[in-house]
Amino acid sequence: MDTWILAAFLGLGLAAATGLRTFLPLLMLSAVAHFGWLGISLGESFSWLGSTAALVSLAIATVAELLADKIPLIDNALSALGMVSRPVAAAIAAGAVFTSLDASAAIIAGIIVGAPTALAVGTAQAGTRVASTTATAGTANPIVSIVEDVLSFVVALIAMVLPVLIPLVLIAVAWLAYRGSRRLRRRRPTSWAAQR
């Protein structure tokens, strides 16, 4: 399989993971580039992502995002902000792995692969959050957030270890998200008048 195809699958997986968490997939990509793990390298114009400063900054941002997403009301604000920040982060993550392309082509490829993928995943996540908030008055949101943390980590890890599996992983995640959202919508509380 050509390296640009593997880069496209890797970029797609990182972008999907970024659609759930802005900084976690970028942190993982930064770490593997910084320490030379898994044979993943970054395009020349994205080499800053593997620097110590980027690694430390992304670690702080990731911890802040993961913790803040467990706090009611702040989680919804983060989700709204993520509709802008996650496509940008996904474009960076996806563009960084197109090492066989020149800098401008890698940026364009990152935008084409990363931004729409993160936006689609982020939109699905927002729908799940609305369903969770409506069905449980927000009490299940921290649990939903932990599931999203794990999914973001696992999808990014699979993308880095076995990128050819990403299309199947994304189909499975979409199916699970659909089922979970339907289950939450069924649990929607009845109106106060009906409970009396």
N, C-alpha and C. Protein backbone atom coordinates (compact mmCIF):
# COMPACT_ATOMS: atom_id res chain seq x y z
N MET A 1 0.85 -1.18 0.00
CA MET A 1 0.00 0.00 0.00
C MET A 1 0.89 1.24 0.00
N ASP A 2 0.53 2.23 -0.81
CA ASP A 2 1.33 3.44 -0.91
C ASP A 2 1.35 4.20 0.41
N THR A 3 2.44 4.90 0.67
CA THR A 3 2.57 5.63 1.93
C THR A 3 1.54 6.75 2.04
N TRP A 4 1.14 7.36 0.92
CA TRP A 4 0.15 8.43 1.03
C TRP A 4 -1.20 7.88 1.46
N ILE A 5 -1.49 6.62 1.11
CA ILE A 5 -2.74 5.99 1.54
C ILE A 5 -2.69 5.75 3.05
N LEU A 6 -1.56 5.23 3.53
CA LEU A 6 -1.40 5.04 4.97
C LEU A 6 -1.48 6.37 5.71
N ALA A 7 -0.86 7.40 5.13
CA ALA A 7 -0.93 8.74 5.73
C ALA A 7 -2.37 9.24 5.77
N ALA A 8 -3.13 8.96 4.71
CA ALA A 8 -4.54 9.38 4.67
C ALA A 8 -5.34 8.67 5.75
N PHE A 9 -5.12 7.36 5.93
CA PHE A 9 -5.82 6.62 6.98
C PHE A 9 -5.40 7.11 8.37
N LEU A 10 -4.10 7.35 8.55
CA LEU A 10 -3.60 7.87 9.82
C LEU A 10 -4.21 9.24 10.10
N GLY A 11 -4.19 10.11 9.09
CA GLY A 11 -4.78 11.44 9.24
C GLY A 11 -6.27 11.38 9.52
N LEU A 12 -6.97 10.47 8.86
CA LEU A 12 -8.41 10.30 9.07
C LEU A 12 -8.69 9.86 10.50
N GLY A 13 -7.92 8.89 10.99
CA GLY A 13 -8.10 8.41 12.37
C GLY A 13 -7.80 9.49 13.40
N LEU A 14 -6.71 10.22 13.19
CA LEU A 14 -6.38 11.31 14.12
C LEU A 14 -7.44 12.40 14.10
N ALA A 15 -7.96 12.69 12.90
CA ALA A 15 -9.00 13.71 12.78
C ALA A 15 -10.28 13.28 13.49
N ALA A 16 -10.64 12.01 13.34
CA ALA A 16 -11.84 11.51 14.02
C ALA A 16 -11.67 11.58 15.53
N ALA A 17 -10.49 11.20 16.02
CA ALA A 17 -10.22 11.27 17.46
C ALA A 17 -10.24 12.71 17.93
N THR A 18 -9.76 13.63 17.10
CA THR A 18 -9.76 15.04 17.44
C THR A 18 -11.18 15.59 17.48
N GLY A 19 -12.09 14.99 16.73
CA GLY A 19 -13.49 15.39 16.78
C GLY A 19 -14.12 15.16 18.14
N LEU A 20 -13.51 14.28 18.94
CA LEU A 20 -14.00 14.03 20.30
C LEU A 20 -13.23 14.83 21.34
N ARG A 21 -11.93 14.95 21.18
CA ARG A 21 -11.07 15.68 22.10
C ARG A 21 -10.08 16.49 21.29
N THR A 22 -10.03 17.77 21.53
CA THR A 22 -9.18 18.66 20.72
C THR A 22 -7.71 18.32 20.88
N PHE A 23 -7.25 18.14 22.12
CA PHE A 23 -5.82 18.09 22.37
C PHE A 23 -5.24 16.68 22.55
N LEU A 24 -6.02 15.71 22.96
CA LEU A 24 -5.48 14.37 23.24
C LEU A 24 -4.81 13.74 22.02
N PRO A 25 -5.44 13.70 20.84
CA PRO A 25 -4.76 13.11 19.68
C PRO A 25 -3.51 13.90 19.27
N LEU A 26 -3.56 15.23 19.39
CA LEU A 26 -2.37 16.02 19.09
C LEU A 26 -1.24 15.71 20.07
N LEU A 27 -1.59 15.52 21.35
CA LEU A 27 -0.59 15.14 22.35
C LEU A 27 0.03 13.80 22.00
N MET A 28 -0.81 12.84 21.62
CA MET A 28 -0.30 11.51 21.27
C MET A 28 0.62 11.59 20.06
N LEU A 29 0.22 12.37 19.05
CA LEU A 29 1.06 12.54 17.85
C LEU A 29 2.37 13.24 18.21
N SER A 30 2.29 14.24 19.05
CA SER A 30 3.48 14.95 19.50
C SER A 30 4.43 14.01 20.23
N ALA A 31 3.88 13.16 21.09
CA ALA A 31 4.71 12.24 21.87
C ALA A 31 5.41 11.22 20.97
N VAL A 32 4.66 10.62 20.02
CA VAL A 32 5.31 9.62 19.16
C VAL A 32 6.37 10.26 18.27
N ALA A 33 6.14 11.50 17.84
CA ALA A 33 7.15 12.19 17.03
C ALA A 33 8.36 12.58 17.88
N HIS A 34 8.09 13.09 19.08
CA HIS A 34 9.17 13.55 19.97
C HIS A 34 10.09 12.40 20.37
N PHE A 35 9.49 11.26 20.74
CA PHE A 35 10.28 10.13 21.24
C PHE A 35 10.66 9.13 20.15
N GLY A 36 10.18 9.35 18.93
CA GLY A 36 10.52 8.45 17.83
C GLY A 36 9.83 7.09 17.91
N TRP A 37 8.66 7.04 18.50
CA TRP A 37 7.92 5.79 18.63
C TRP A 37 7.14 5.48 17.35
N LEU A 38 6.90 4.22 17.11
CA LEU A 38 6.01 3.71 16.06
C LEU A 38 6.42 4.10 14.64
N GLY A 39 7.60 4.66 14.48
CA GLY A 39 8.07 5.01 13.15
C GLY A 39 7.31 6.14 12.48
N ILE A 40 6.57 6.91 13.26
CA ILE A 40 5.80 8.02 12.70
C ILE A 40 6.65 9.28 12.70
N SER A 41 6.73 9.88 11.54
CA SER A 41 7.45 11.15 11.45
C SER A 41 6.47 12.23 10.99
N LEU A 42 6.88 13.46 11.14
CA LEU A 42 6.04 14.60 10.78
C LEU A 42 6.61 15.30 9.55
N GLY A 43 5.73 15.92 8.80
CA GLY A 43 6.17 16.73 7.68
C GLY A 43 7.06 17.87 8.18
N GLU A 44 7.92 18.32 7.30
CA GLU A 44 8.91 19.33 7.69
C GLU A 44 8.27 20.59 8.28
N SER A 45 7.19 21.05 7.69
CA SER A 45 6.55 22.27 8.20
C SER A 45 5.77 22.04 9.49
N PHE A 46 5.62 20.77 9.89
CA PHE A 46 4.92 20.45 11.13
C PHE A 46 5.87 19.91 12.19
N SER A 47 7.18 20.04 11.97
CA SER A 47 8.15 19.47 12.92
C SER A 47 8.04 20.09 14.31
N TRP A 48 7.53 21.30 14.39
CA TRP A 48 7.34 21.96 15.69
C TRP A 48 6.45 21.15 16.61
N LEU A 49 5.56 20.34 16.02
CA LEU A 49 4.63 19.54 16.82
C LEU A 49 5.36 18.49 17.67
N GLY A 50 6.55 18.08 17.25
CA GLY A 50 7.33 17.11 18.01
C GLY A 50 8.30 17.74 18.98
N SER A 51 8.26 19.04 19.14
CA SER A 51 9.19 19.73 20.05
C SER A 51 8.79 19.53 21.51
N THR A 52 9.74 19.75 22.39
CA THR A 52 9.47 19.65 23.83
C THR A 52 8.42 20.67 24.26
N ALA A 53 8.53 21.87 23.73
CA ALA A 53 7.56 22.92 24.10
C ALA A 53 6.14 22.52 23.69
N ALA A 54 5.99 21.97 22.49
CA ALA A 54 4.66 21.54 22.04
C ALA A 54 4.16 20.38 22.90
N LEU A 55 5.04 19.45 23.23
CA LEU A 55 4.65 18.30 24.04
C LEU A 55 4.15 18.74 25.41
N VAL A 56 4.87 19.64 26.06
CA VAL A 56 4.47 20.13 27.38
C VAL A 56 3.17 20.93 27.28
N SER A 57 3.08 21.82 26.30
CA SER A 57 1.87 22.64 26.14
C SER A 57 0.65 21.77 25.86
N LEU A 58 0.81 20.78 25.00
CA LEU A 58 -0.32 19.90 24.69
C LEU A 58 -0.71 19.02 25.88
N ALA A 59 0.27 18.63 26.69
CA ALA A 59 -0.03 17.84 27.89
C ALA A 59 -0.88 18.67 28.85
N ILE A 60 -0.52 19.93 29.05
CA ILE A 60 -1.29 20.81 29.95
C ILE A 60 -2.68 21.04 29.39
N ALA A 61 -2.76 21.33 28.11
CA ALA A 61 -4.06 21.57 27.47
C ALA A 61 -4.96 20.33 27.53
N THR A 62 -4.36 19.16 27.34
CA THR A 62 -5.13 17.92 27.39
C THR A 62 -5.71 17.67 28.77
N VAL A 63 -4.88 17.82 29.79
CA VAL A 63 -5.37 17.61 31.17
C VAL A 63 -6.49 18.61 31.48
N ALA A 64 -6.30 19.86 31.10
CA ALA A 64 -7.33 20.88 31.36
C ALA A 64 -8.63 20.52 30.63
N GLU A 65 -8.52 20.10 29.38
CA GLU A 65 -9.73 19.75 28.62
C GLU A 65 -10.43 18.54 29.21
N LEU A 66 -9.67 17.50 29.55
CA LEU A 66 -10.27 16.28 30.10
C LEU A 66 -10.99 16.55 31.42
N LEU A 67 -10.39 17.38 32.27
CA LEU A 67 -11.01 17.69 33.56
C LEU A 67 -12.21 18.62 33.39
N ALA A 68 -12.08 19.65 32.58
CA ALA A 68 -13.17 20.62 32.40
C ALA A 68 -14.40 19.97 31.78
N ASP A 69 -14.18 18.95 30.96
CA ASP A 69 -15.30 18.30 30.28
C ASP A 69 -16.16 17.47 31.23
N LYS A 70 -15.71 17.30 32.46
CA LYS A 70 -16.50 16.54 33.44
C LYS A 70 -17.38 17.46 34.29
N ILE A 71 -17.27 18.77 34.09
CA ILE A 71 -18.01 19.74 34.90
C ILE A 71 -19.25 20.19 34.14
N PRO A 72 -20.44 20.03 34.76
CA PRO A 72 -21.67 20.45 34.09
C PRO A 72 -21.61 21.91 33.65
N LEU A 73 -22.25 22.21 32.58
CA LEU A 73 -22.30 23.51 31.90
C LEU A 73 -21.00 23.82 31.18
N ILE A 74 -19.85 23.61 31.82
CA ILE A 74 -18.58 23.83 31.14
C ILE A 74 -18.43 22.82 30.00
N ASP A 75 -18.92 21.58 30.22
CA ASP A 75 -18.82 20.57 29.17
C ASP A 75 -19.57 21.00 27.91
N ASN A 76 -20.74 21.62 28.08
CA ASN A 76 -21.49 22.08 26.91
C ASN A 76 -20.79 23.26 26.24
N ALA A 77 -20.18 24.14 27.03
CA ALA A 77 -19.43 25.26 26.46
C ALA A 77 -18.22 24.75 25.68
N LEU A 78 -17.53 23.74 26.22
CA LEU A 78 -16.39 23.15 25.51
C LEU A 78 -16.84 22.51 24.20
N SER A 79 -17.99 21.85 24.24
CA SER A 79 -18.52 21.22 23.03
C SER A 79 -18.80 22.26 21.96
N ALA A 80 -19.37 23.38 22.36
CA ALA A 80 -19.65 24.46 21.40
C ALA A 80 -18.35 25.05 20.85
N LEU A 81 -17.39 25.30 21.72
CA LEU A 81 -16.10 25.82 21.30
C LEU A 81 -15.37 24.82 20.39
N GLY A 82 -15.58 23.54 20.69
CA GLY A 82 -14.95 22.48 19.90
C GLY A 82 -15.40 22.44 18.46
N MET A 83 -16.57 22.98 18.16
CA MET A 83 -17.04 23.00 16.78
C MET A 83 -16.13 23.87 15.91
N VAL A 84 -15.36 24.75 16.52
CA VAL A 84 -14.39 25.58 15.79
C VAL A 84 -12.98 25.03 15.97
N SER A 85 -12.60 24.74 17.23
CA SER A 85 -11.22 24.36 17.52
C SER A 85 -10.87 22.95 17.02
N ARG A 86 -11.80 22.03 17.07
CA ARG A 86 -11.48 20.65 16.68
C ARG A 86 -11.19 20.48 15.20
N PRO A 87 -11.95 21.11 14.29
CA PRO A 87 -11.55 21.01 12.87
C PRO A 87 -10.17 21.60 12.59
N VAL A 88 -9.81 22.67 13.30
CA VAL A 88 -8.48 23.26 13.12
C VAL A 88 -7.41 22.29 13.61
N ALA A 89 -7.62 21.73 14.81
CA ALA A 89 -6.67 20.76 15.37
C ALA A 89 -6.57 19.52 14.48
N ALA A 90 -7.69 19.09 13.93
CA ALA A 90 -7.70 17.91 13.05
C ALA A 90 -6.95 18.19 11.76
N ALA A 91 -7.09 19.38 11.22
CA ALA A 91 -6.36 19.74 10.00
C ALA A 91 -4.85 19.73 10.27
N ILE A 92 -4.44 20.19 11.45
CA ILE A 92 -3.02 20.17 11.82
C ILE A 92 -2.54 18.72 11.96
N ALA A 93 -3.30 17.91 12.69
CA ALA A 93 -2.90 16.51 12.91
C ALA A 93 -2.82 15.75 11.60
N ALA A 94 -3.84 15.90 10.76
CA ALA A 94 -3.85 15.18 9.49
C ALA A 94 -2.75 15.69 8.56
N GLY A 95 -2.59 16.99 8.48
CA GLY A 95 -1.56 17.55 7.60
C GLY A 95 -0.16 17.15 8.00
N ALA A 96 0.06 17.01 9.29
CA ALA A 96 1.40 16.70 9.81
C ALA A 96 1.91 15.34 9.35
N VAL A 97 1.02 14.40 9.05
CA VAL A 97 1.46 13.04 8.73
C VAL A 97 1.64 12.80 7.23
N PHE A 98 1.30 13.79 6.40
CA PHE A 98 1.53 13.65 4.96
C PHE A 98 2.97 14.06 4.63
N THR A 99 3.90 13.21 5.04
CA THR A 99 5.32 13.54 4.90
C THR A 99 5.82 13.46 3.47
N SER A 100 5.12 12.74 2.60
CA SER A 100 5.57 12.61 1.22
C SER A 100 5.16 13.80 0.36
N LEU A 101 4.36 14.70 0.91
CA LEU A 101 3.90 15.88 0.17
C LEU A 101 4.70 17.10 0.58
N ASP A 102 4.76 18.09 -0.31
CA ASP A 102 5.41 19.34 0.07
C ASP A 102 4.51 20.07 1.07
N ALA A 103 5.03 21.12 1.67
CA ALA A 103 4.35 21.78 2.79
C ALA A 103 2.95 22.27 2.42
N SER A 104 2.80 22.94 1.29
CA SER A 104 1.48 23.47 0.94
C SER A 104 0.49 22.35 0.62
N ALA A 105 0.95 21.30 -0.06
CA ALA A 105 0.06 20.17 -0.37
C ALA A 105 -0.34 19.43 0.91
N ALA A 106 0.58 19.32 1.88
CA ALA A 106 0.27 18.67 3.15
C ALA A 106 -0.78 19.45 3.92
N ILE A 107 -0.67 20.78 3.89
CA ILE A 107 -1.67 21.62 4.57
C ILE A 107 -3.04 21.44 3.92
N ILE A 108 -3.07 21.45 2.59
CA ILE A 108 -4.34 21.27 1.88
C ILE A 108 -4.92 19.89 2.17
N ALA A 109 -4.06 18.85 2.13
CA ALA A 109 -4.52 17.49 2.44
C ALA A 109 -5.05 17.42 3.87
N GLY A 110 -4.38 18.08 4.80
CA GLY A 110 -4.84 18.11 6.19
C GLY A 110 -6.20 18.75 6.33
N ILE A 111 -6.40 19.84 5.60
CA ILE A 111 -7.71 20.51 5.65
C ILE A 111 -8.78 19.63 5.04
N ILE A 112 -8.48 19.01 3.90
CA ILE A 112 -9.47 18.17 3.21
C ILE A 112 -9.83 16.93 4.04
N VAL A 113 -8.82 16.28 4.61
CA VAL A 113 -9.06 15.05 5.38
C VAL A 113 -9.50 15.37 6.80
N GLY A 114 -8.84 16.33 7.43
CA GLY A 114 -9.04 16.56 8.86
C GLY A 114 -10.27 17.34 9.25
N ALA A 115 -10.44 18.52 8.67
CA ALA A 115 -11.51 19.41 9.13
C ALA A 115 -12.91 18.81 9.00
N PRO A 116 -13.29 18.27 7.83
CA PRO A 116 -14.65 17.71 7.73
C PRO A 116 -14.87 16.50 8.63
N THR A 117 -13.83 15.69 8.80
CA THR A 117 -13.95 14.51 9.65
C THR A 117 -14.20 14.92 11.09
N ALA A 118 -13.40 15.84 11.60
CA ALA A 118 -13.57 16.31 12.98
C ALA A 118 -14.92 16.99 13.16
N LEU A 119 -15.34 17.75 12.16
CA LEU A 119 -16.63 18.44 12.24
C LEU A 119 -17.77 17.43 12.29
N ALA A 120 -17.69 16.37 11.49
CA ALA A 120 -18.74 15.35 11.49
C ALA A 120 -18.79 14.61 12.83
N VAL A 121 -17.62 14.23 13.35
CA VAL A 121 -17.57 13.54 14.64
C VAL A 121 -18.02 14.47 15.76
N GLY A 122 -17.57 15.73 15.71
CA GLY A 122 -17.97 16.70 16.72
C GLY A 122 -19.47 16.97 16.72
N THR A 123 -20.07 16.99 15.54
CA THR A 123 -21.52 17.18 15.44
C THR A 123 -22.26 16.00 16.05
N ALA A 124 -21.78 14.79 15.76
CA ALA A 124 -22.40 13.59 16.36
C ALA A 124 -22.23 13.61 17.88
N GLN A 125 -21.05 14.04 18.36
CA GLN A 125 -20.81 14.13 19.79
C GLN A 125 -21.76 15.14 20.43
N ALA A 126 -21.95 16.27 19.78
CA ALA A 126 -22.86 17.30 20.31
C ALA A 126 -24.28 16.76 20.41
N GLY A 127 -24.70 15.98 19.42
CA GLY A 127 -26.02 15.36 19.46
C GLY A 127 -26.16 14.39 20.61
N THR A 128 -25.11 13.62 20.85
CA THR A 128 -25.13 12.68 21.98
C THR A 128 -25.20 13.43 23.30
N ARG A 129 -24.46 14.55 23.40
CA ARG A 129 -24.50 15.35 24.62
C ARG A 129 -25.88 15.94 24.87
N VAL A 130 -26.52 16.41 23.81
CA VAL A 130 -27.87 16.95 23.96
C VAL A 130 -28.81 15.86 24.44
N ALA A 131 -28.70 14.68 23.85
CA ALA A 131 -29.55 13.56 24.27
C ALA A 131 -29.28 13.18 25.72
N SER A 132 -28.01 13.16 26.11
CA SER A 132 -27.65 12.82 27.49
C SER A 132 -28.16 13.87 28.46
N THR A 133 -28.00 15.14 28.11
CA THR A 133 -28.46 16.23 28.98
C THR A 133 -29.97 16.20 29.13
N THR A 134 -30.67 15.96 28.02
CA THR A 134 -32.13 15.92 28.05
C THR A 134 -32.65 14.72 28.84
N ALA A 135 -32.04 13.56 28.62
CA ALA A 135 -32.53 12.33 29.24
C ALA A 135 -32.19 12.23 30.72
N THR A 136 -31.05 12.79 31.12
CA THR A 136 -30.59 12.58 32.50
C THR A 136 -30.37 13.89 33.25
N ALA A 137 -30.82 14.99 32.69
CA ALA A 137 -30.59 16.32 33.28
C ALA A 137 -29.10 16.59 33.49
N GLY A 138 -28.28 15.99 32.63
CA GLY A 138 -26.84 16.22 32.67
C GLY A 138 -26.08 15.32 33.62
N THR A 139 -26.77 14.50 34.40
CA THR A 139 -26.06 13.67 35.39
C THR A 139 -25.21 12.58 34.73
N ALA A 140 -25.57 12.16 33.53
CA ALA A 140 -24.79 11.13 32.83
C ALA A 140 -23.67 11.72 31.99
N ASN A 141 -23.62 13.04 31.87
CA ASN A 141 -22.61 13.66 31.00
C ASN A 141 -21.17 13.32 31.38
N PRO A 142 -20.81 13.27 32.68
CA PRO A 142 -19.43 12.87 32.98
C PRO A 142 -19.10 11.45 32.52
N ILE A 143 -20.09 10.55 32.58
CA ILE A 143 -19.86 9.18 32.11
C ILE A 143 -19.69 9.19 30.59
N VAL A 144 -20.55 9.93 29.90
CA VAL A 144 -20.43 10.07 28.45
C VAL A 144 -19.06 10.66 28.11
N SER A 145 -18.61 11.63 28.89
CA SER A 145 -17.31 12.26 28.66
C SER A 145 -16.17 11.26 28.79
N ILE A 146 -16.24 10.39 29.79
CA ILE A 146 -15.19 9.38 29.97
C ILE A 146 -15.18 8.42 28.78
N VAL A 147 -16.35 8.03 28.31
CA VAL A 147 -16.44 7.15 27.14
C VAL A 147 -15.79 7.85 25.93
N GLU A 148 -16.06 9.15 25.77
CA GLU A 148 -15.47 9.91 24.67
C GLU A 148 -13.95 10.00 24.81
N ASP A 149 -13.46 10.16 26.04
CA ASP A 149 -12.01 10.18 26.29
C ASP A 149 -11.38 8.89 25.80
N VAL A 150 -11.98 7.78 26.21
CA VAL A 150 -11.45 6.46 25.86
C VAL A 150 -11.51 6.25 24.35
N LEU A 151 -12.64 6.60 23.74
CA LEU A 151 -12.77 6.45 22.28
C LEU A 151 -11.74 7.28 21.54
N SER A 152 -11.54 8.51 21.96
CA SER A 152 -10.55 9.37 21.31
C SER A 152 -9.16 8.74 21.40
N PHE A 153 -8.80 8.26 22.58
CA PHE A 153 -7.49 7.63 22.78
C PHE A 153 -7.35 6.37 21.92
N VAL A 154 -8.36 5.51 21.95
CA VAL A 154 -8.28 4.23 21.24
C VAL A 154 -8.23 4.46 19.72
N VAL A 155 -9.07 5.35 19.21
CA VAL A 155 -9.07 5.61 17.76
C VAL A 155 -7.72 6.18 17.33
N ALA A 156 -7.18 7.13 18.10
CA ALA A 156 -5.87 7.69 17.76
C ALA A 156 -4.78 6.63 17.82
N LEU A 157 -4.84 5.76 18.82
CA LEU A 157 -3.84 4.71 18.96
C LEU A 157 -3.91 3.72 17.80
N ILE A 158 -5.11 3.29 17.45
CA ILE A 158 -5.27 2.38 16.32
C ILE A 158 -4.78 3.04 15.04
N ALA A 159 -5.08 4.33 14.87
CA ALA A 159 -4.62 5.05 13.68
C ALA A 159 -3.10 5.03 13.58
N MET A 160 -2.42 5.13 14.72
CA MET A 160 -0.96 5.18 14.71
C MET A 160 -0.33 3.79 14.57
N VAL A 161 -1.01 2.77 15.11
CA VAL A 161 -0.44 1.42 15.08
C VAL A 161 -0.86 0.66 13.82
N LEU A 162 -2.15 0.69 13.49
CA LEU A 162 -2.68 -0.04 12.33
C LEU A 162 -3.64 0.85 11.53
N PRO A 163 -3.11 1.82 10.81
CA PRO A 163 -3.99 2.77 10.12
C PRO A 163 -4.95 2.14 9.12
N VAL A 164 -4.62 0.97 8.58
CA VAL A 164 -5.52 0.33 7.60
C VAL A 164 -6.85 -0.09 8.23
N LEU A 165 -6.91 -0.18 9.56
CA LEU A 165 -8.15 -0.55 10.24
C LEU A 165 -9.08 0.64 10.47
N ILE A 166 -8.62 1.84 10.22
CA ILE A 166 -9.40 3.04 10.56
C ILE A 166 -10.79 3.07 9.90
N PRO A 167 -10.94 2.73 8.63
CA PRO A 167 -12.31 2.75 8.08
C PRO A 167 -13.27 1.85 8.85
N LEU A 168 -12.81 0.66 9.22
CA LEU A 168 -13.67 -0.26 9.99
C LEU A 168 -13.94 0.27 11.39
N VAL A 169 -12.92 0.85 12.01
CA VAL A 169 -13.08 1.42 13.35
C VAL A 169 -14.10 2.56 13.33
N LEU A 170 -14.01 3.41 12.33
CA LEU A 170 -14.93 4.54 12.25
C LEU A 170 -16.37 4.09 12.00
N ILE A 171 -16.55 3.06 11.21
CA ILE A 171 -17.90 2.50 11.01
C ILE A 171 -18.43 1.97 12.34
N ALA A 172 -17.59 1.24 13.07
CA ALA A 172 -18.00 0.69 14.37
C ALA A 172 -18.33 1.79 15.37
N VAL A 173 -17.52 2.84 15.42
CA VAL A 173 -17.76 3.95 16.34
C VAL A 173 -19.05 4.67 15.98
N ALA A 174 -19.28 4.88 14.68
CA ALA A 174 -20.52 5.54 14.25
C ALA A 174 -21.74 4.72 14.64
N TRP A 175 -21.64 3.42 14.49
CA TRP A 175 -22.76 2.54 14.86
C TRP A 175 -23.00 2.59 16.37
N LEU A 176 -21.93 2.54 17.16
CA LEU A 176 -22.07 2.60 18.62
C LEU A 176 -22.64 3.94 19.06
N ALA A 177 -22.19 5.03 18.43
CA ALA A 177 -22.72 6.36 18.78
C ALA A 177 -24.20 6.45 18.45
N TYR A 178 -24.59 5.91 17.32
CA TYR A 178 -26.00 5.91 16.92
C TYR A 178 -26.84 5.13 17.93
N ARG A 179 -26.37 3.96 18.29
CA ARG A 179 -27.11 3.12 19.27
C ARG A 179 -27.19 3.81 20.63
N GLY A 180 -26.07 4.37 21.08
CA GLY A 180 -26.06 5.04 22.38
C GLY A 180 -26.97 6.25 22.40
N SER A 181 -26.97 7.01 21.32
CA SER A 181 -27.84 8.19 21.23
C SER A 181 -29.31 7.80 21.24
N ARG A 182 -29.64 6.74 20.52
CA ARG A 182 -31.03 6.26 20.51
C ARG A 182 -31.46 5.78 21.89
N ARG A 183 -30.56 5.11 22.58
CA ARG A 183 -30.87 4.61 23.92
C ARG A 183 -31.12 5.78 24.88
N LEU A 184 -30.27 6.81 24.79
CA LEU A 184 -30.45 7.98 25.65
C LEU A 184 -31.75 8.71 25.33
N ARG A 185 -32.10 8.81 24.07
CA ARG A 185 -33.34 9.49 23.69
C ARG A 185 -34.56 8.74 24.21
N ARG A 186 -34.48 7.43 24.25
CA ARG A 186 -35.59 6.64 24.79
C ARG A 186 -35.77 6.85 26.28
N ARG A 187 -34.68 7.21 26.97
CA ARG A 187 -34.74 7.42 28.42
C ARG A 187 -35.18 8.83 28.77
N ARG A 188 -35.51 9.64 27.77
CA ARG A 188 -35.92 11.03 28.01
C ARG A 188 -37.04 11.05 29.04
N PRO A 189 -36.91 11.88 30.07
CA PRO A 189 -37.94 11.89 31.11
C PRO A 189 -39.26 12.44 30.56
N THR A 190 -40.32 11.92 31.09
CA THR A 190 -41.64 12.43 30.70
C THR A 190 -41.83 13.80 31.31
N SER A 191 -42.77 14.52 30.82
CA SER A 191 -43.00 15.89 31.32
C SER A 191 -43.42 15.84 32.78
N TRP A 192 -43.23 16.96 33.47
CA TRP A 192 -43.60 17.05 34.89
C TRP A 192 -45.11 16.82 35.07
N ALA A 193 -45.89 17.30 34.15
CA ALA A 193 -47.33 17.13 34.24
C ALA A 193 -47.72 15.66 34.18
N ALA A 194 -47.02 14.91 33.33
CA ALA A 194 -47.34 13.49 33.19
C ALA A 194 -46.91 12.69 34.42
N GLN A 195 -45.92 13.20 35.17
CA GLN A 195 -45.45 12.47 36.35
C GLN A 195 -46.35 12.66 37.55
N ARG A 196 -47.23 13.67 37.51
CA ARG A 196 -48.09 13.95 38.68
C ARG A 196 -49.23 12.96 38.77
